[in-house]
PDB file of N, CA and C in Angstrom:
ATOM      1  N   MET A   1       1.034  13.260 -53.486  1.00  0.00           N
ATOM      2  CA  MET A   1       1.678  13.040 -52.181  1.00  0.00           C
ATOM      3  C   MET A   1       0.534  12.959 -51.257  1.00  0.00           C
ATOM      4  N   ASN A   2      -0.580  13.693 -51.408  1.00  0.00           N
ATOM      5  CA  ASN A   2      -1.899  13.568 -50.675  1.00  0.00           C
ATOM      6  C   ASN A   2      -2.327  12.649 -50.574  1.00  0.00           C
ATOM      7  N   TYR A   3      -2.180  11.755 -51.331  1.00  0.00           N
ATOM      8  CA  TYR A   3      -3.010  10.432 -51.344  1.00  0.00           C
ATOM      9  C   TYR A   3      -2.334   9.244 -50.267  1.00  0.00           C
ATOM     10  N   PHE A   4      -1.276   9.491 -50.142  1.00  0.00           N
ATOM     11  CA  PHE A   4      -0.254   8.569 -49.427  1.00  0.00           C
ATOM     12  C   PHE A   4      -0.273   9.301 -47.988  1.00  0.00           C
ATOM     13  N   VAL A   5      -0.551  10.854 -47.944  1.00  0.00           N
ATOM     14  CA  VAL A   5      -0.628  11.071 -46.260  1.00  0.00           C
ATOM     15  C   VAL A   5      -1.878  10.601 -45.962  1.00  0.00           C
ATOM     16  N   LYS A   6      -2.805  10.809 -46.464  1.00  0.00           N
ATOM     17  CA  LYS A   6      -4.287  10.620 -45.644  1.00  0.00           C
ATOM     18  C   LYS A   6      -4.461   9.899 -45.254  1.00  0.00           C
ATOM     19  N   PRO A   7      -4.476   8.537 -45.682  1.00  0.00           N
ATOM     20  CA  PRO A   7      -4.754   7.321 -44.966  1.00  0.00           C
ATOM     21  C   PRO A   7      -3.182   6.619 -44.124  1.00  0.00           C
ATOM     22  N   ASN A   8      -2.130   7.350 -44.099  1.00  0.00           N
ATOM     23  CA  ASN A   8      -1.307   6.684 -43.405  1.00  0.00           C
ATOM     24  C   ASN A   8      -0.389   8.123 -42.518  1.00  0.00           C
ATOM     25  N   LYS A   9      -1.895   8.770 -42.069  1.00  0.00           N
ATOM     26  CA  LYS A   9      -0.578   9.883 -41.126  1.00  0.00           C
ATOM     27  C   LYS A   9      -0.864   8.984 -39.877  1.00  0.00           C
ATOM     28  N   ASN A  10      -1.605   8.336 -39.279  1.00  0.00           N
ATOM     29  CA  ASN A  10      -1.152   7.772 -37.676  1.00  0.00           C
ATOM     30  C   ASN A  10       0.471   7.126 -38.130  1.00  0.00           C
ATOM     31  N   PHE A  11       0.707   6.263 -38.616  1.00  0.00           N
ATOM     32  CA  PHE A  11       1.724   5.412 -39.324  1.00  0.00           C
ATOM     33  C   PHE A  11       2.799   6.565 -39.418  1.00  0.00           C
ATOM     34  N   LEU A  12       2.686   7.737 -39.972  1.00  0.00           N
ATOM     35  CA  LEU A  12       3.755   8.810 -40.297  1.00  0.00           C
ATOM     36  C   LEU A  12       4.215   9.387 -38.847  1.00  0.00           C
ATOM     37  N   THR A  13       2.940   9.762 -38.359  1.00  0.00           N
ATOM     38  CA  THR A  13       3.489  10.317 -37.087  1.00  0.00           C
ATOM     39  C   THR A  13       4.297   9.347 -35.662  1.00  0.00           C
ATOM     40  N   TYR A  14       3.718   7.939 -35.916  1.00  0.00           N
ATOM     41  CA  TYR A  14       4.479   7.144 -35.078  1.00  0.00           C
ATOM     42  C   TYR A  14       6.231   7.107 -35.690  1.00  0.00           C
ATOM     43  N   THR A  15       6.298   6.829 -37.109  1.00  0.00           N
ATOM     44  CA  THR A  15       7.215   6.831 -37.792  1.00  0.00           C
ATOM     45  C   THR A  15       8.341   8.187 -36.978  1.00  0.00           C
ATOM     46  N   LEU A  16       7.927   9.431 -37.210  1.00  0.00           N
ATOM     47  CA  LEU A  16       8.568  10.615 -36.543  1.00  0.00           C
ATOM     48  C   LEU A  16       8.935  10.343 -35.617  1.00  0.00           C
ATOM     49  N   ILE A  17       8.141   9.894 -34.692  1.00  0.00           N
ATOM     50  CA  ILE A  17       8.526  10.123 -33.108  1.00  0.00           C
ATOM     51  C   ILE A  17       9.392   9.080 -32.934  1.00  0.00           C
ATOM     52  N   VAL A  18       9.718   8.099 -33.706  1.00  0.00           N
ATOM     53  CA  VAL A  18      10.512   7.207 -33.212  1.00  0.00           C
ATOM     54  C   VAL A  18      11.825   7.320 -33.917  1.00  0.00           C
ATOM     55  N   LEU A  19      11.777   8.081 -34.909  1.00  0.00           N
ATOM     56  CA  LEU A  19      12.959   8.473 -35.829  1.00  0.00           C
ATOM     57  C   LEU A  19      13.286   9.728 -34.950  1.00  0.00           C
ATOM     58  N   ILE A  20      12.797  10.644 -34.572  1.00  0.00           N
ATOM     59  CA  ILE A  20      13.177  11.838 -33.471  1.00  0.00           C
ATOM     60  C   ILE A  20      13.766  11.341 -32.261  1.00  0.00           C
ATOM     61  N   ILE A  21      12.518  10.969 -31.535  1.00  0.00           N
ATOM     62  CA  ILE A  21      13.147  11.064 -30.174  1.00  0.00           C
ATOM     63  C   ILE A  21      13.922   9.706 -29.812  1.00  0.00           C
ATOM     64  N   PHE A  22      13.894   8.217 -30.582  1.00  0.00           N
ATOM     65  CA  PHE A  22      14.740   7.496 -30.151  1.00  0.00           C
ATOM     66  C   PHE A  22      16.390   7.351 -30.584  1.00  0.00           C
ATOM     67  N   PRO A  23      16.649   8.417 -31.153  1.00  0.00           N
ATOM     68  CA  PRO A  23      17.888   8.495 -31.407  1.00  0.00           C
ATOM     69  C   PRO A  23      18.301   9.609 -30.100  1.00  0.00           C
ATOM     70  N   ILE A  24      17.544  10.447 -29.806  1.00  0.00           N
ATOM     71  CA  ILE A  24      17.790  11.253 -28.630  1.00  0.00           C
ATOM     72  C   ILE A  24      18.092  10.676 -27.386  1.00  0.00           C
ATOM     73  N   PHE A  25      17.031  10.011 -27.329  1.00  0.00           N
ATOM     74  CA  PHE A  25      16.981   9.287 -25.744  1.00  0.00           C
ATOM     75  C   PHE A  25      18.231   7.975 -25.762  1.00  0.00           C
ATOM     76  N   GLY A  26      18.203   6.914 -27.273  1.00  0.00           N
ATOM     77  CA  GLY A  26      18.518   6.125 -26.974  1.00  0.00           C
ATOM     78  C   GLY A  26      17.939   4.373 -27.064  1.00  0.00           C
ATOM     79  N   VAL A  27      18.604   3.652 -26.885  1.00  0.00           N
ATOM     80  CA  VAL A  27      17.744   2.187 -26.861  1.00  0.00           C
ATOM     81  C   VAL A  27      18.455   1.984 -25.118  1.00  0.00           C
ATOM     82  N   LYS A  28      19.393   2.818 -24.733  1.00  0.00           N
ATOM     83  CA  LYS A  28      19.480   2.839 -23.217  1.00  0.00           C
ATOM     84  C   LYS A  28      18.412   2.664 -22.643  1.00  0.00           C
ATOM     85  N   ILE A  29      17.602   3.859 -22.470  1.00  0.00           N
ATOM     86  CA  ILE A  29      16.786   4.076 -21.564  1.00  0.00           C
ATOM     87  C   ILE A  29      15.730   2.863 -21.411  1.00  0.00           C
ATOM     88  N   PHE A  30      15.585   2.559 -22.897  1.00  0.00           N
ATOM     89  CA  PHE A  30      14.572   1.468 -23.149  1.00  0.00           C
ATOM     90  C   PHE A  30      15.039  -0.029 -22.066  1.00  0.00           C
ATOM     91  N   LEU A  31      16.471  -0.241 -23.297  1.00  0.00           N
ATOM     92  CA  LEU A  31      16.473  -1.343 -21.448  1.00  0.00           C
ATOM     93  C   LEU A  31      17.197  -1.144 -20.408  1.00  0.00           C
ATOM     94  N   GLY A  32      17.439   0.119 -19.966  1.00  0.00           N
ATOM     95  CA  GLY A  32      17.209   0.064 -18.498  1.00  0.00           C
ATOM     96  C   GLY A  32      15.655  -0.180 -18.574  1.00  0.00           C
ATOM     97  N   LEU A  33      15.045   0.657 -18.627  1.00  0.00           N
ATOM     98  CA  LEU A  33      13.318   0.867 -17.860  1.00  0.00           C
ATOM     99  C   LEU A  33      13.071  -0.947 -18.115  1.00  0.00           C
ATOM    100  N   LEU A  34      13.421  -2.054 -18.938  1.00  0.00           N
ATOM    101  CA  LEU A  34      12.838  -3.104 -19.293  1.00  0.00           C
ATOM    102  C   LEU A  34      13.788  -3.648 -18.564  1.00  0.00           C
ATOM    103  N   GLY A  35      14.988  -3.334 -18.006  1.00  0.00           N
ATOM    104  CA  GLY A  35      15.395  -4.808 -17.411  1.00  0.00           C
ATOM    105  C   GLY A  35      14.968  -3.893 -15.850  1.00  0.00           C
ATOM    106  N   ASN A  36      14.690  -2.813 -15.336  1.00  0.00           N
ATOM    107  CA  ASN A  36      14.339  -2.377 -13.662  1.00  0.00           C
ATOM    108  C   ASN A  36      12.673  -3.218 -14.180  1.00  0.00           C
ATOM    109  N   ILE A  37      12.188  -3.102 -15.115  1.00  0.00           N
ATOM    110  CA  ILE A  37      10.679  -4.004 -14.442  1.00  0.00           C
ATOM    111  C   ILE A  37      10.737  -5.507 -14.480  1.00  0.00           C
ATOM    112  N   LEU A  38      12.257  -6.305 -15.194  1.00  0.00           N
ATOM    113  CA  LEU A  38      12.166  -7.273 -14.934  1.00  0.00           C
ATOM    114  C   LEU A  38      12.942  -7.662 -13.183  1.00  0.00           C
ATOM    115  N   LEU A  39      13.849  -7.103 -13.253  1.00  0.00           N
ATOM    116  CA  LEU A  39      14.735  -7.222 -12.090  1.00  0.00           C
ATOM    117  C   LEU A  39      13.052  -6.822 -11.017  1.00  0.00           C
ATOM    118  N   LEU A  40      11.888  -5.917 -10.675  1.00  0.00           N
ATOM    119  CA  LEU A  40      11.386  -6.028  -9.856  1.00  0.00           C
ATOM    120  C   LEU A  40      10.370  -7.092  -9.581  1.00  0.00           C
ATOM    121  N   LEU A  41       9.927  -7.784 -11.513  1.00  0.00           N
ATOM    122  CA  LEU A  41       9.312  -8.700 -11.273  1.00  0.00           C
ATOM    123  C   LEU A  41       9.577 -10.149 -10.344  1.00  0.00           C
ATOM    124  N   PHE A  42      10.891  -9.852 -10.560  1.00  0.00           N
ATOM    125  CA  PHE A  42      12.200 -11.463  -9.560  1.00  0.00           C
ATOM    126  C   PHE A  42      12.400 -11.184  -7.856  1.00  0.00           C
ATOM    127  N   LEU A  43      11.870  -9.486  -8.022  1.00  0.00           N
ATOM    128  CA  LEU A  43      12.755  -9.555  -6.752  1.00  0.00           C
ATOM    129  C   LEU A  43      11.414  -9.383  -5.748  1.00  0.00           C
ATOM    130  N   ILE A  44      10.255  -9.099  -6.338  1.00  0.00           N
ATOM    131  CA  ILE A  44       8.995  -9.013  -5.348  1.00  0.00           C
ATOM    132  C   ILE A  44       8.920 -10.715  -4.608  1.00  0.00           C
ATOM    133  N   PRO A  45       8.857 -11.318  -5.582  1.00  0.00           N
ATOM    134  CA  PRO A  45       8.772 -12.751  -5.060  1.00  0.00           C
ATOM    135  C   PRO A  45       9.608 -13.080  -3.880  1.00  0.00           C
ATOM    136  N   LEU A  46      10.826 -12.832  -4.194  1.00  0.00           N
ATOM    137  CA  LEU A  46      11.705 -13.223  -3.530  1.00  0.00           C
ATOM    138  C   LEU A  46      11.648 -12.131  -2.037  1.00  0.00           C
ATOM    139  N   LEU A  47      11.045 -10.829  -2.324  1.00  0.00           N
ATOM    140  CA  LEU A  47      10.608 -10.084  -0.598  1.00  0.00           C
ATOM    141  C   LEU A  47       9.337 -11.013   0.129  1.00  0.00           C
ATOM    142  N   LEU A  48       8.678 -11.094  -0.865  1.00  0.00           N
ATOM    143  CA  LEU A  48       6.995 -12.203   0.124  1.00  0.00           C
ATOM    144  C   LEU A  48       7.982 -13.449   0.471  1.00  0.00           C
ATOM    145  N   LEU A  49       8.632 -14.061  -0.084  1.00  0.00           N
ATOM    146  CA  LEU A  49       9.120 -15.351   0.617  1.00  0.00           C
ATOM    147  C   LEU A  49       9.932 -15.403   1.958  1.00  0.00           C
ATOM    148  N   LEU A  50      10.747 -14.064   1.673  1.00  0.00           N
ATOM    149  CA  LEU A  50      11.252 -13.444   2.768  1.00  0.00           C
ATOM    150  C   LEU A  50      10.110 -13.280   4.408  1.00  0.00           C
ATOM    151  N   LEU A  51       9.265 -12.198   3.697  1.00  0.00           N
ATOM    152  CA  LEU A  51       8.918 -11.813   4.446  1.00  0.00           C
ATOM    153  C   LEU A  51       8.073 -13.186   5.772  1.00  0.00           C
ATOM    154  N   VAL A  52       7.254 -14.153   4.249  1.00  0.00           N
ATOM    155  CA  VAL A  52       6.459 -15.753   4.954  1.00  0.00           C
ATOM    156  C   VAL A  52       7.579 -16.235   5.901  1.00  0.00           C
ATOM    157  N   PHE A  53       8.876 -16.470   5.599  1.00  0.00           N
ATOM    158  CA  PHE A  53       9.335 -16.960   6.109  1.00  0.00           C
ATOM    159  C   PHE A  53      10.017 -16.177   7.930  1.00  0.00           C
ATOM    160  N   ILE A  54       9.650 -14.892   8.008  1.00  0.00           N
ATOM    161  CA  ILE A  54       9.737 -14.237   9.360  1.00  0.00           C
ATOM    162  C   ILE A  54       9.148 -14.336   9.973  1.00  0.00           C
ATOM    163  N   GLY A  55       7.599 -14.581   9.182  1.00  0.00           N
ATOM    164  CA  GLY A  55       6.369 -14.508   9.920  1.00  0.00           C
ATOM    165  C   GLY A  55       6.339 -16.040  10.324  1.00  0.00           C
ATOM    166  N   PHE A  56       6.678 -17.083   9.777  1.00  0.00           N
ATOM    167  CA  PHE A  56       6.519 -18.152  10.031  1.00  0.00           C
ATOM    168  C   PHE A  56       7.484 -18.602  11.028  1.00  0.00           C
ATOM    169  N   ASN A  57       8.785 -18.098  11.726  1.00  0.00           N
ATOM    170  CA  ASN A  57       9.536 -17.899  12.858  1.00  0.00           C
ATOM    171  C   ASN A  57       9.059 -17.157  13.472  1.00  0.00           C
ATOM    172  N   SER A  58       8.488 -16.078  13.662  1.00  0.00           N
ATOM    173  CA  SER A  58       7.328 -15.567  14.365  1.00  0.00           C
ATOM    174  C   SER A  58       6.500 -16.255  14.886  1.00  0.00           C
ATOM    175  N   TYR A  59       6.150 -16.954  14.289  1.00  0.00           N
ATOM    176  CA  TYR A  59       4.462 -17.768  14.479  1.00  0.00           C
ATOM    177  C   TYR A  59       5.529 -19.361  15.335  1.00  0.00           C
ATOM    178  N   LYS A  60       6.173 -19.610  15.059  1.00  0.00           N
ATOM    179  CA  LYS A  60       7.056 -20.562  15.799  1.00  0.00           C
ATOM    180  C   LYS A  60       7.297 -20.576  16.778  1.00  0.00           C
ATOM    181  N   SER A  61       8.146 -19.713  16.926  1.00  0.00           N
ATOM    182  CA  SER A  61       8.100 -19.210  18.562  1.00  0.00           C
ATOM    183  C   SER A  61       7.377 -18.903  20.032  1.00  0.00           C
ATOM    184  N   LYS A  62       5.829 -18.725  19.642  1.00  0.00           N
ATOM    185  CA  LYS A  62       4.661 -18.420  20.280  1.00  0.00           C
ATOM    186  C   LYS A  62       4.304 -19.625  20.705  1.00  0.00           C
ATOM    187  N   ILE A  63       4.783 -20.847  19.957  1.00  0.00           N
ATOM    188  CA  ILE A  63       4.084 -22.413  20.299  1.00  0.00           C
ATOM    189  C   ILE A  63       4.446 -22.656  21.463  1.00  0.00           C
ATOM    190  N   ASN A  64       3.320 -23.064  22.465  1.00  0.00           N
ATOM    191  CA  ASN A  64       3.946 -23.831  23.486  1.00  0.00           C
ATOM    192  C   ASN A  64       2.988 -25.245  23.656  1.00  0.00           C
ATOM    193  N   ILE A  65       3.461 -26.158  24.523  1.00  0.00           N
ATOM    194  CA  ILE A  65       3.567 -27.565  23.500  1.00  0.00           C
ATOM    195  C   ILE A  65       2.926 -28.024  25.763  1.00  0.00           C
ATOM    196  N   CYS A  66       1.800 -29.048  25.694  1.00  0.00           N
ATOM    197  CA  CYS A  66       1.874 -29.356  27.377  1.00  0.00           C
ATOM    198  C   CYS A  66       2.635 -30.768  27.281  1.00  0.00           C
ATOM    199  N   SER A  67       3.242 -30.590  28.598  1.00  0.00           N
ATOM    200  CA  SER A  67       3.853 -31.984  29.052  1.00  0.00           C
ATOM    201  C   SER A  67       3.415 -32.784  29.121  1.00  0.00           C
ATOM    202  N   ASN A  68       1.889 -32.647  29.527  1.00  0.00           N
ATOM    203  CA  ASN A  68       1.460 -33.656  30.380  1.00  0.00           C
ATOM    204  C   ASN A  68       0.537 -34.380  29.209  1.00  0.00           C
ATOM    205  N   CYS A  69      -0.082 -33.381  28.358  1.00  0.00           N
ATOM    206  CA  CYS A  69      -1.528 -34.298  27.319  1.00  0.00           C
ATOM    207  C   CYS A  69      -0.881 -34.064  25.909  1.00  0.00           C
ATOM    208  N   GLY A  70       0.140 -32.981  25.941  1.00  0.00           N
ATOM    209  CA  GLY A  70       0.762 -32.982  24.495  1.00  0.00           C
ATOM    210  C   GLY A  70      -0.280 -31.920  23.606  1.00  0.00           C
ATOM    211  N   THR A  71      -1.078 -31.281  23.992  1.00  0.00           N
ATOM    212  CA  THR A  71      -1.958 -30.372  23.364  1.00  0.00           C
ATOM    213  C   THR A  71      -0.835 -28.890  23.103  1.00  0.00           C
ATOM    214  N   ILE A  72      -1.357 -28.435  21.761  1.00  0.00           N
ATOM    215  CA  ILE A  72      -0.249 -27.039  21.037  1.00  0.00           C
ATOM    216  C   ILE A  72      -1.046 -26.110  21.486  1.00  0.00           C
ATOM    217  N   SER A  73      -0.912 -25.335  22.186  1.00  0.00           N
ATOM    218  CA  SER A  73      -1.115 -23.622  21.932  1.00  0.00           C
ATOM    219  C   SER A  73      -0.720 -22.767  21.437  1.00  0.00           C
ATOM    220  N   LEU A  74      -1.461 -21.542  21.064  1.00  0.00           N
ATOM    221  CA  LEU A  74      -0.408 -20.522  20.934  1.00  0.00           C
ATOM    222  C   LEU A  74      -1.139 -18.967  21.897  1.00  0.00           C
ATOM    223  N   GLY A  75      -0.116 -18.599  22.230  1.00  0.00           N
ATOM    224  CA  GLY A  75      -0.473 -17.260  23.256  1.00  0.00           C
ATOM    225  C   GLY A  75       0.762 -17.692  24.409  1.00  0.00           C
ATOM    226  N   LEU A  76      -0.122 -16.697  25.126  1.00  0.00           N
ATOM    227  CA  LEU A  76       0.545 -16.554  26.784  1.00  0.00           C
ATOM    228  C   LEU A  76       0.468 -16.965  28.003  1.00  0.00           C
ATOM    229  N   ASN A  77      -0.491 -17.759  27.853  1.00  0.00           N
ATOM    230  CA  ASN A  77      -0.956 -18.997  28.505  1.00  0.00           C
ATOM    231  C   ASN A  77       0.088 -19.625  29.264  1.00  0.00           C
ATOM    232  N   ASP A  78       0.559 -19.937  30.602  1.00  0.00           N
ATOM    233  CA  ASP A  78       0.969 -20.295  30.928  1.00  0.00           C
ATOM    234  C   ASP A  78       0.665 -21.744  31.778  1.00  0.00           C
ATOM    235  N   THR A  79      -0.590 -22.707  31.652  1.00  0.00           N
ATOM    236  CA  THR A  79      -1.046 -23.341  31.872  1.00  0.00           C
ATOM    237  C   THR A  79      -1.646 -23.854  30.923  1.00  0.00           C
ATOM    238  N   CYS A  80      -2.102 -24.940  30.749  1.00  0.00           N
ATOM    239  CA  CYS A  80      -2.597 -25.997  29.275  1.00  0.00           C
ATOM    240  C   CYS A  80      -4.192 -25.417  29.773  1.00  0.00           C
ATOM    241  N   MET A  81      -4.934 -25.621  28.611  1.00  0.00           N
ATOM    242  CA  MET A  81      -6.487 -25.437  28.607  1.00  0.00           C
ATOM    243  C   MET A  81      -7.053 -26.689  28.752  1.00  0.00           C
ATOM    244  N   GLN A  82      -6.465 -28.186  28.742  1.00  0.00           N
ATOM    245  CA  GLN A  82      -7.089 -29.191  28.621  1.00  0.00           C
ATOM    246  C   GLN A  82      -6.624 -29.532  30.102  1.00  0.00           C
ATOM    247  N   CYS A  83      -5.863 -29.534  30.674  1.00  0.00           N
ATOM    248  CA  CYS A  83      -5.465 -30.571  31.931  1.00  0.00           C
ATOM    249  C   CYS A  83      -4.785 -29.548  32.810  1.00  0.00           C
ATOM    250  N   GLY A  84      -4.398 -28.228  32.357  1.00  0.00           N
ATOM    251  CA  GLY A  84      -4.052 -27.321  33.609  1.00  0.00           C
ATOM    252  C   GLY A  84      -2.600 -27.268  34.133  1.00  0.00           C
ATOM    253  N   THR A  85      -1.698 -28.021  33.572  1.00  0.00           N
ATOM    254  CA  THR A  85      -0.787 -28.567  33.821  1.00  0.00           C
ATOM    255  C   THR A  85       0.356 -27.222  33.140  1.00  0.00           C
ATOM    256  N   LYS A  86       1.398 -27.041  33.583  1.00  0.00           N
ATOM    257  CA  LYS A  86       1.951 -25.597  33.126  1.00  0.00           C
ATOM    258  C   LYS A  86       2.576 -26.047  31.853  1.00  0.00           C
ATOM    259  N   LEU A  87       2.668 -24.743  31.101  1.00  0.00           N
ATOM    260  CA  LEU A  87       3.180 -25.423  29.377  1.00  0.00           C
ATOM    261  C   LEU A  87       4.800 -25.193  29.408  1.00  0.00           C
ATOM    262  N   ASN A  88       5.107 -25.826  28.270  1.00  0.00           N
ATOM    263  CA  ASN A  88       6.387 -25.641  28.056  1.00  0.00           C
ATOM    264  C   ASN A  88       6.454 -25.287  26.694  1.00  0.00           C
ATOM    265  N   ASN A  89       7.263 -24.130  26.610  1.00  0.00           N
ATOM    266  CA  ASN A  89       7.700 -23.314  25.325  1.00  0.00           C
ATOM    267  C   ASN A  89       8.696 -23.919  24.476  1.00  0.00           C
ATOM    268  N   ILE A  90       8.669 -24.044  23.272  1.00  0.00           N
ATOM    269  CA  ILE A  90       9.592 -24.887  22.553  1.00  0.00           C
ATOM    270  C   ILE A  90      10.995 -23.977  22.455  1.00  0.00           C
ATOM    271  N   SER A  91      10.990 -23.009  22.778  1.00  0.00           N
ATOM    272  CA  SER A  91      12.067 -22.099  22.798  1.00  0.00           C
ATOM    273  C   SER A  91      13.194 -22.177  24.255  1.00  0.00           C
ATOM    274  N   GLU A  92      12.543 -22.724  25.012  1.00  0.00           N
ATOM    275  CA  GLU A  92      13.166 -23.615  25.816  1.00  0.00           C
ATOM    276  C   GLU A  92      13.645 -24.622  26.338  1.00  0.00           C
ATOM    277  N   LYS A  93      13.164 -25.604  24.950  1.00  0.00           N
ATOM    278  CA  LYS A  93      13.332 -26.804  25.048  1.00  0.00           C
ATOM    279  C   LYS A  93      15.046 -26.927  25.084  1.00  0.00           C
ATOM    280  N   ASN A  94      15.523 -26.479  23.776  1.00  0.00           N
ATOM    281  CA  ASN A  94      17.010 -25.755  23.640  1.00  0.00           C
ATOM    282  C   ASN A  94      17.479 -24.807  24.109  1.00  0.00           C
ATOM    283  N   PRO A  95      17.708 -24.775  25.032  1.00  0.00           N
ATOM    284  CA  PRO A  95      18.631 -23.400  25.540  1.00  0.00           C
ATOM    285  C   PRO A  95      19.900 -22.993  25.139  1.00  0.00           C
ATOM    286  N   VAL A  96      19.899 -21.417  24.743  1.00  0.00           N
ATOM    287  CA  VAL A  96      20.979 -21.015  24.435  1.00  0.00           C
ATOM    288  C   VAL A  96      22.059 -21.545  25.405  1.00  0.00           C
ATOM    289  N   LYS A  97      23.647 -22.081  25.218  1.00  0.00           N
ATOM    290  CA  LYS A  97      24.564 -22.397  25.809  1.00  0.00           C
ATOM    291  C   LYS A  97      25.433 -21.178  25.887  1.00  0.00           C
ATOM    292  N   ALA A  98      26.330 -21.061  27.343  1.00  0.00           N
ATOM    293  CA  ALA A  98      27.069 -19.592  27.554  1.00  0.00           C
ATOM    294  C   ALA A  98      28.550 -20.259  26.195  1.00  0.00           C
ATOM    295  N   PRO A  99      29.141 -19.214  26.044  1.00  0.00           N
ATOM    296  CA  PRO A  99      30.099 -20.017  25.229  1.00  0.00           C
ATOM    297  C   PRO A  99      31.320 -20.505  25.829  1.00  0.00           C
ATOM    298  N   SER A 100      31.023 -20.068  27.459  1.00  0.00           N
ATOM    299  CA  SER A 100      32.193 -20.967  28.163  1.00  0.00           C
ATOM    300  C   SER A 100      31.953 -22.681  28.395  1.00  0.00           C
ATOM    301  N   GLU A 101      30.963 -22.895  27.781  1.00  0.00           N
ATOM    302  CA  GLU A 101      29.935 -24.172  28.180  1.00  0.00           C
ATOM    303  C   GLU A 101      30.282 -25.342  26.468  1.00  0.00           C
ATOM    304  N   ARG A 102      30.763 -24.199  25.633  1.00  0.00           N
ATOM    305  CA  ARG A 102      30.853 -24.849  24.496  1.00  0.00           C
ATOM    306  C   ARG A 102      32.135 -24.830  23.849  1.00  0.00           C
ATOM    307  N   THR A 103      33.075 -24.324  23.971  1.00  0.00           N
ATOM    308  CA  THR A 103      34.538 -24.350  24.068  1.00  0.00           C
ATOM    309  C   THR A 103      34.991 -25.194  24.499  1.00  0.00           C
ATOM    310  N   ILE A 104      35.844 -25.713  23.738  1.00  0.00           N
ATOM    311  CA  ILE A 104      37.415 -26.784  24.241  1.00  0.00           C
ATOM    312  C   ILE A 104      38.365 -26.265  24.371  1.00  0.00           C
ATOM    313  N   GLU A 105      38.901 -26.617  25.758  1.00  0.00           N
ATOM    314  CA  GLU A 105      40.565 -26.005  25.943  1.00  0.00           C
ATOM    315  C   GLU A 105      40.923 -27.066  25.699  1.00  0.00           C
ATOM    316  N   VAL A 106      42.561 -26.317  24.514  1.00  0.00           N
ATOM    317  CA  VAL A 106      43.351 -27.544  24.372  1.00  0.00           C
ATOM    318  C   VAL A 106      44.595 -26.570  24.876  1.00  0.00           C
ATOM    319  N   LYS A 107      45.642 -27.590  25.551  1.00  0.00           N
ATOM    320  CA  LYS A 107      46.364 -27.587  26.422  1.00  0.00           C
ATOM    321  C   LYS A 107      47.822 -27.823  24.894  1.00  0.00           C
ATOM    322  N   ALA A 108      48.953 -26.870  25.092  1.00  0.00           N
ATOM    323  CA  ALA A 108      49.890 -26.825  23.448  1.00  0.00           C
ATOM    324  C   ALA A 108      50.803 -28.277  24.573  1.00  0.00           C
ATOM    325  N   GLU A 109      51.130 -28.895  23.915  1.00  0.00           N
ATOM    326  CA  GLU A 109      52.057 -30.209  24.312  1.00  0.00           C
ATOM    327  C   GLU A 109      53.326 -29.795  23.261  1.00  0.00           C
ATOM    328  N   GLU A 110      54.461 -30.173  23.933  1.00  0.00           N
ATOM    329  CA  GLU A 110      55.818 -29.918  22.862  1.00  0.00           C
ATOM    330  C   GLU A 110      56.446 -31.068  22.546  1.00  0.00           C
ATOM    331  N   ILE A 111      56.272 -31.444  21.081  1.00  0.00           N
ATOM    332  CA  ILE A 111      56.902 -32.983  20.769  1.00  0.00           C
ATOM    333  C   ILE A 111      58.628 -32.299  20.328  1.00  0.00           C
ATOM    334  N   LYS A 112      58.778 -34.076  21.361  1.00  0.00           N
ATOM    335  CA  LYS A 112      59.933 -33.952  20.953  1.00  0.00           C
ATOM    336  C   LYS A 112      60.286 -35.005  19.993  1.00  0.00           C
TER     337      LYS A 112
END
């Protein structure tokens, strides 16, 4: 028996660990850990895409366009740096309408 134990000491150690710890904790913990790691690998890119989308929308809302020369500028300037005319904000192009302006009033009619 001594001849078998000496060269295979690491193999026996790992085998005993697997045979003792694996039944105690079970396969469930291993599969749960693996599932959580895979879930993170899929959710982190989605989270990054969401952050990029939010940043792009924030960036887009700060763009100003000159109505005279068409120069696009970022920032809080009220006048164009090229020609000096007042800048139009992109969000001002599509103003939000009040709900009363968008609703259609329907009158009920009696059918004979």
